[in-house]
Amino acid sequence: MFKNFFKNKRKLSFKICEYYQSKPKLNIRSVIEDLLLGIPQEYLEGLGAVVLCDSDSFMEHYETDHTPLGRYNHPIEKDELPWIEIVIDKLIQELGGFVKIPFIRDLIIGNTLYHEIGHHIHRKESLEKTHAEEIAEKWRKKLSKYYLNRKYWYLAFPLRILVLPFRRLIEKKLKNKTSVALW
């Protein structure tokens, strides 16, 4: 019933590209597509592509000691559009055994994707580089909440009741790992 929740309503105005040296078992493209179609499209205006890759493909293009979960890239040339890279094998590793649970999968993958979209929104609205991470995090929380409340509306009330007594403890524990929006 919820498999194609957002797909019938709109189409993306940019490409989703995949570059893997070893293709993941999970059909991550459809998850990313749902997450992108599940938020207001005006936030995605001016975005050229979302690139899905694995750690090896990512490391071929960047000289860095650690591989991030995602990266927002703004072009050097004025006629090019910015793009987002998502490192899929790192995200699947973050998910662990929860990879087959749609709510948790959307939550974890959405956190990375929406954080990078937050950088895109910030870049569109302001050329200031100050507080870029804080602003991206605010947008991540806002977009995650929007998506999760629309797709998993039936979980909102039970989760609030279950999580409320433990919210601060959960957020404190998750702060060091992956910050999660809990409604």
C-alpha atoms as a PDB file:
ATOM      1  CA  MET A   1       0.000   0.000   0.000  1.00  0.00           C
ATOM      2  CA  PHE A   2       2.759   2.491   0.913  1.00  0.00           C
ATOM      3  CA  LYS A   3       5.333   1.102  -1.524  1.00  0.00           C
ATOM      4  CA  ASN A   4       4.852   3.876  -4.089  1.00  0.00           C
ATOM      5  CA  PHE A   5       3.640   6.505  -1.627  1.00  0.00           C
ATOM      6  CA  PHE A   6       5.106   9.546  -3.397  1.00  0.00           C
ATOM      7  CA  LYS A   7       5.995   8.234  -6.863  1.00  0.00           C
ATOM      8  CA  ASN A   8       2.649   8.826  -8.582  1.00  0.00           C
ATOM      9  CA  LYS A   9       2.461  12.475  -7.606  1.00  0.00           C
ATOM     10  CA  ARG A  10       5.590  14.028  -9.161  1.00  0.00           C
ATOM     11  CA  LYS A  11       8.829  13.501 -10.979  1.00  0.00           C
ATOM     12  CA  LEU A  12      12.255  14.770 -10.014  1.00  0.00           C
ATOM     13  CA  SER A  13      13.742  17.629 -12.021  1.00  0.00           C
ATOM     14  CA  PHE A  14      17.268  16.168 -11.818  1.00  0.00           C
ATOM     15  CA  LYS A  15      19.052  12.840 -12.218  1.00  0.00           C
ATOM     16  CA  ILE A  16      19.878  10.197  -9.658  1.00  0.00           C
ATOM     17  CA  CYS A  17      23.192   8.653 -10.783  1.00  0.00           C
ATOM     18  CA  GLU A  18      24.742   5.469  -9.428  1.00  0.00           C
ATOM     19  CA  TYR A  19      28.490   4.726  -9.377  1.00  0.00           C
ATOM     20  CA  TYR A  20      29.479   1.555  -7.558  1.00  0.00           C
ATOM     21  CA  GLN A  21      32.457  -0.743  -7.679  1.00  0.00           C
ATOM     22  CA  SER A  22      30.276  -3.288  -5.879  1.00  0.00           C
ATOM     23  CA  LYS A  23      26.515  -2.785  -6.189  1.00  0.00           C
ATOM     24  CA  PRO A  24      24.595  -2.876  -2.871  1.00  0.00           C
ATOM     25  CA  LYS A  25      22.024  -5.620  -2.230  1.00  0.00           C
ATOM     26  CA  LEU A  26      19.413  -3.050  -1.215  1.00  0.00           C
ATOM     27  CA  ASN A  27      17.608  -1.117  -3.972  1.00  0.00           C
ATOM     28  CA  ILE A  28      18.787   2.159  -2.522  1.00  0.00           C
ATOM     29  CA  ARG A  29      17.775   4.207  -5.570  1.00  0.00           C
ATOM     30  CA  SER A  30      14.054   3.716  -4.878  1.00  0.00           C
ATOM     31  CA  VAL A  31      14.538   4.627  -1.195  1.00  0.00           C
ATOM     32  CA  ILE A  32      16.370   7.850  -2.168  1.00  0.00           C
ATOM     33  CA  GLU A  33      13.730   8.624  -4.800  1.00  0.00           C
ATOM     34  CA  ASP A  34      10.925   8.248  -2.218  1.00  0.00           C
ATOM     35  CA  LEU A  35      12.801  10.482   0.233  1.00  0.00           C
ATOM     36  CA  LEU A  36      13.298  13.147  -2.449  1.00  0.00           C
ATOM     37  CA  LEU A  37       9.708  13.005  -3.711  1.00  0.00           C
ATOM     38  CA  GLY A  38       8.414  13.121  -0.145  1.00  0.00           C
ATOM     39  CA  ILE A  39       9.488  16.714   0.530  1.00  0.00           C
ATOM     40  CA  PRO A  40       8.413  19.998  -1.099  1.00  0.00           C
ATOM     41  CA  GLN A  41      10.135  20.207  -4.468  1.00  0.00           C
ATOM     42  CA  GLU A  42      10.973  23.909  -4.152  1.00  0.00           C
ATOM     43  CA  TYR A  43      13.773  22.891  -1.768  1.00  0.00           C
ATOM     44  CA  LEU A  44      15.349  20.861  -4.573  1.00  0.00           C
ATOM     45  CA  GLU A  45      15.242  23.594  -7.223  1.00  0.00           C
ATOM     46  CA  GLY A  46      18.658  24.259  -8.706  1.00  0.00           C
ATOM     47  CA  LEU A  47      20.033  20.850  -7.744  1.00  0.00           C
ATOM     48  CA  GLY A  48      21.745  19.083 -10.652  1.00  0.00           C
ATOM     49  CA  ALA A  49      21.950  15.495  -9.413  1.00  0.00           C
ATOM     50  CA  VAL A  50      22.073  13.114  -6.501  1.00  0.00           C
ATOM     51  CA  VAL A  51      24.980  10.707  -6.930  1.00  0.00           C
ATOM     52  CA  LEU A  52      24.880   7.355  -5.142  1.00  0.00           C
ATOM     53  CA  CYS A  53      28.290   5.731  -4.764  1.00  0.00           C
ATOM     54  CA  ASP A  54      30.270   3.363  -2.599  1.00  0.00           C
ATOM     55  CA  SER A  55      33.298   4.263  -0.470  1.00  0.00           C
ATOM     56  CA  ASP A  56      35.796   3.087  -3.084  1.00  0.00           C
ATOM     57  CA  SER A  57      34.234   5.197  -5.849  1.00  0.00           C
ATOM     58  CA  PHE A  58      34.051   8.197  -3.509  1.00  0.00           C
ATOM     59  CA  MET A  59      37.703   7.880  -2.461  1.00  0.00           C
ATOM     60  CA  GLU A  60      38.831   7.851  -6.107  1.00  0.00           C
ATOM     61  CA  HIS A  61      37.660  11.465  -6.443  1.00  0.00           C
ATOM     62  CA  TYR A  62      38.703  12.957  -3.112  1.00  0.00           C
ATOM     63  CA  GLU A  63      41.928  13.005  -1.156  1.00  0.00           C
ATOM     64  CA  THR A  64      40.738  12.469   2.392  1.00  0.00           C
ATOM     65  CA  ASP A  65      41.433  10.091   5.251  1.00  0.00           C
ATOM     66  CA  HIS A  66      37.809   9.412   6.107  1.00  0.00           C
ATOM     67  CA  THR A  67      34.743   8.790   4.002  1.00  0.00           C
ATOM     68  CA  PRO A  68      31.669  10.823   4.990  1.00  0.00           C
ATOM     69  CA  LEU A  69      28.101   9.541   4.688  1.00  0.00           C
ATOM     70  CA  GLY A  70      27.289  12.332   2.245  1.00  0.00           C
ATOM     71  CA  ARG A  71      28.651  15.460   0.647  1.00  0.00           C
ATOM     72  CA  TYR A  72      27.165  18.594  -0.945  1.00  0.00           C
ATOM     73  CA  ASN A  73      29.202  19.839  -3.895  1.00  0.00           C
ATOM     74  CA  HIS A  74      28.777  23.259  -5.405  1.00  0.00           C
ATOM     75  CA  PRO A  75      30.361  23.697  -8.820  1.00  0.00           C
ATOM     76  CA  ILE A  76      33.361  25.820  -9.699  1.00  0.00           C
ATOM     77  CA  GLU A  77      31.902  26.797 -13.077  1.00  0.00           C
ATOM     78  CA  LYS A  78      28.873  29.114 -13.039  1.00  0.00           C
ATOM     79  CA  ASP A  79      26.985  27.165 -15.716  1.00  0.00           C
ATOM     80  CA  GLU A  80      27.070  23.912 -13.705  1.00  0.00           C
ATOM     81  CA  LEU A  81      24.563  22.867 -11.058  1.00  0.00           C
ATOM     82  CA  PRO A  82      25.423  21.613  -7.555  1.00  0.00           C
ATOM     83  CA  TRP A  83      25.074  17.934  -6.683  1.00  0.00           C
ATOM     84  CA  ILE A  84      24.838  15.714  -3.632  1.00  0.00           C
ATOM     85  CA  GLU A  85      26.857  12.535  -3.134  1.00  0.00           C
ATOM     86  CA  ILE A  86      25.605   9.802  -0.809  1.00  0.00           C
ATOM     87  CA  VAL A  87      28.014   7.011   0.200  1.00  0.00           C
ATOM     88  CA  ILE A  88      25.708   4.018   0.234  1.00  0.00           C
ATOM     89  CA  ASP A  89      27.869   1.280   1.753  1.00  0.00           C
ATOM     90  CA  LYS A  90      28.594   3.524   4.763  1.00  0.00           C
ATOM     91  CA  LEU A  91      24.858   4.146   5.217  1.00  0.00           C
ATOM     92  CA  ILE A  92      24.039   0.444   4.961  1.00  0.00           C
ATOM     93  CA  GLN A  93      26.747  -0.201   7.561  1.00  0.00           C
ATOM     94  CA  GLU A  94      25.078   2.417   9.824  1.00  0.00           C
ATOM     95  CA  LEU A  95      21.744   0.627   9.394  1.00  0.00           C
ATOM     96  CA  GLY A  96      23.117  -2.764  10.354  1.00  0.00           C
ATOM     97  CA  GLY A  97      20.321  -5.275  10.890  1.00  0.00           C
ATOM     98  CA  PHE A  98      17.656  -2.579  10.566  1.00  0.00           C
ATOM     99  CA  VAL A  99      18.142  -2.301   6.791  1.00  0.00           C
ATOM    100  CA  LYS A 100      14.880  -4.185   6.099  1.00  0.00           C
ATOM    101  CA  ILE A 101      12.724  -2.068   8.432  1.00  0.00           C
ATOM    102  CA  PRO A 102      11.350   0.740   6.205  1.00  0.00           C
ATOM    103  CA  PHE A 103      10.771   3.297   8.965  1.00  0.00           C
ATOM    104  CA  ILE A 104      14.301   3.000  10.390  1.00  0.00           C
ATOM    105  CA  ARG A 105      15.838   2.787   6.904  1.00  0.00           C
ATOM    106  CA  ASP A 106      14.037   5.995   5.860  1.00  0.00           C
ATOM    107  CA  LEU A 107      15.019   7.657   9.124  1.00  0.00           C
ATOM    108  CA  ILE A 108      18.760   6.929   8.847  1.00  0.00           C
ATOM    109  CA  ILE A 109      19.143   7.439   5.091  1.00  0.00           C
ATOM    110  CA  GLY A 110      16.861  10.486   5.230  1.00  0.00           C
ATOM    111  CA  ASN A 111      19.005  12.072   7.934  1.00  0.00           C
ATOM    112  CA  THR A 112      22.057  12.048   5.666  1.00  0.00           C
ATOM    113  CA  LEU A 113      20.194  13.039   2.499  1.00  0.00           C
ATOM    114  CA  TYR A 114      18.226  15.830   4.183  1.00  0.00           C
ATOM    115  CA  HIS A 115      21.361  17.179   5.879  1.00  0.00           C
ATOM    116  CA  GLU A 116      22.991  17.557   2.455  1.00  0.00           C
ATOM    117  CA  ILE A 117      19.804  19.125   1.063  1.00  0.00           C
ATOM    118  CA  GLY A 118      20.024  21.513   4.027  1.00  0.00           C
ATOM    119  CA  HIS A 119      23.420  22.629   2.702  1.00  0.00           C
ATOM    120  CA  HIS A 120      21.818  23.153  -0.720  1.00  0.00           C
ATOM    121  CA  ILE A 121      19.004  25.263   0.737  1.00  0.00           C
ATOM    122  CA  HIS A 122      21.481  27.290   2.793  1.00  0.00           C
ATOM    123  CA  ARG A 123      23.667  27.860  -0.269  1.00  0.00           C
ATOM    124  CA  LYS A 124      20.651  28.991  -2.330  1.00  0.00           C
ATOM    125  CA  GLU A 125      19.367  31.359   0.342  1.00  0.00           C
ATOM    126  CA  SER A 126      22.672  32.787   1.525  1.00  0.00           C
ATOM    127  CA  LEU A 127      26.238  32.908   0.305  1.00  0.00           C
ATOM    128  CA  GLU A 128      27.454  33.166   3.909  1.00  0.00           C
ATOM    129  CA  LYS A 129      29.410  30.125   5.015  1.00  0.00           C
ATOM    130  CA  THR A 130      28.944  30.838   8.703  1.00  0.00           C
ATOM    131  CA  HIS A 131      27.084  28.248  10.743  1.00  0.00           C
ATOM    132  CA  ALA A 132      26.643  26.029   7.657  1.00  0.00           C
ATOM    133  CA  GLU A 133      26.521  22.795   9.683  1.00  0.00           C
ATOM    134  CA  GLU A 134      24.025  24.193  12.198  1.00  0.00           C
ATOM    135  CA  ILE A 135      21.760  25.419   9.413  1.00  0.00           C
ATOM    136  CA  ALA A 136      22.031  22.097   7.539  1.00  0.00           C
ATOM    137  CA  GLU A 137      21.062  20.289  10.763  1.00  0.00           C
ATOM    138  CA  LYS A 138      18.016  22.526  11.253  1.00  0.00           C
ATOM    139  CA  TRP A 139      16.899  21.759   7.701  1.00  0.00           C
ATOM    140  CA  ARG A 140      17.584  18.045   8.232  1.00  0.00           C
ATOM    141  CA  LYS A 141      15.276  18.003  11.222  1.00  0.00           C
ATOM    142  CA  LYS A 142      12.588  19.995   9.419  1.00  0.00           C
ATOM    143  CA  LEU A 143      12.652  17.861   6.246  1.00  0.00           C
ATOM    144  CA  SER A 144      12.834  14.573   8.192  1.00  0.00           C
ATOM    145  CA  LYS A 145       9.863  15.556  10.295  1.00  0.00           C
ATOM    146  CA  TYR A 146       7.891  16.597   7.208  1.00  0.00           C
ATOM    147  CA  TYR A 147       8.606  13.321   5.396  1.00  0.00           C
ATOM    148  CA  LEU A 148       8.107  10.988   8.359  1.00  0.00           C
ATOM    149  CA  ASN A 149       4.871  12.662   9.438  1.00  0.00           C
ATOM    150  CA  ARG A 150       3.438  12.248   5.941  1.00  0.00           C
ATOM    151  CA  LYS A 151       4.574   8.696   5.220  1.00  0.00           C
ATOM    152  CA  TYR A 152       4.400   7.220   8.718  1.00  0.00           C
ATOM    153  CA  TRP A 153       1.561   9.313  10.139  1.00  0.00           C
ATOM    154  CA  TYR A 154       0.129   6.256  11.895  1.00  0.00           C
ATOM    155  CA  LEU A 155       3.329   5.876  13.981  1.00  0.00           C
ATOM    156  CA  ALA A 156       3.495   9.473  15.221  1.00  0.00           C
ATOM    157  CA  PHE A 157       1.234   9.162  18.259  1.00  0.00           C
ATOM    158  CA  PRO A 158       2.436   5.742  19.503  1.00  0.00           C
ATOM    159  CA  LEU A 159       6.080   6.758  19.074  1.00  0.00           C
ATOM    160  CA  ARG A 160       5.597  10.029  20.929  1.00  0.00           C
ATOM    161  CA  ILE A 161       4.104   8.180  23.861  1.00  0.00           C
ATOM    162  CA  LEU A 162       6.842   5.528  23.853  1.00  0.00           C
ATOM    163  CA  VAL A 163       9.760   7.909  23.271  1.00  0.00           C
ATOM    164  CA  LEU A 164       8.725  10.874  25.428  1.00  0.00           C
ATOM    165  CA  PRO A 165      10.072   9.545  28.738  1.00  0.00           C
ATOM    166  CA  PHE A 166      13.382   8.563  27.088  1.00  0.00           C
ATOM    167  CA  ARG A 167      13.760  11.346  24.507  1.00  0.00           C
ATOM    168  CA  ARG A 168      16.649  13.203  26.171  1.00  0.00           C
ATOM    169  CA  LEU A 169      18.519   9.980  26.859  1.00  0.00           C
ATOM    170  CA  ILE A 170      18.041   8.769  23.262  1.00  0.00           C
ATOM    171  CA  GLU A 171      19.104  12.103  21.758  1.00  0.00           C
ATOM    172  CA  LYS A 172      22.169  12.228  24.025  1.00  0.00           C
ATOM    173  CA  LYS A 173      23.233   8.711  22.992  1.00  0.00           C
ATOM    174  CA  LEU A 174      22.571   9.364  19.304  1.00  0.00           C
ATOM    175  CA  LYS A 175      24.298  12.747  19.261  1.00  0.00           C
ATOM    176  CA  ASN A 176      27.695  11.078  18.974  1.00  0.00           C
ATOM    177  CA  LYS A 177      26.531   8.722  16.228  1.00  0.00           C
ATOM    178  CA  THR A 178      23.719   9.886  13.941  1.00  0.00           C
ATOM    179  CA  SER A 179      21.426  12.654  15.072  1.00  0.00           C
ATOM    180  CA  VAL A 180      17.839  11.509  14.578  1.00  0.00           C
ATOM    181  CA  ALA A 181      14.686  13.599  14.381  1.00  0.00           C
ATOM    182  CA  LEU A 182      12.130  12.004  16.694  1.00  0.00           C
ATOM    183  CA  TRP A 183       9.078  13.986  15.722  1.00  0.00           C
END
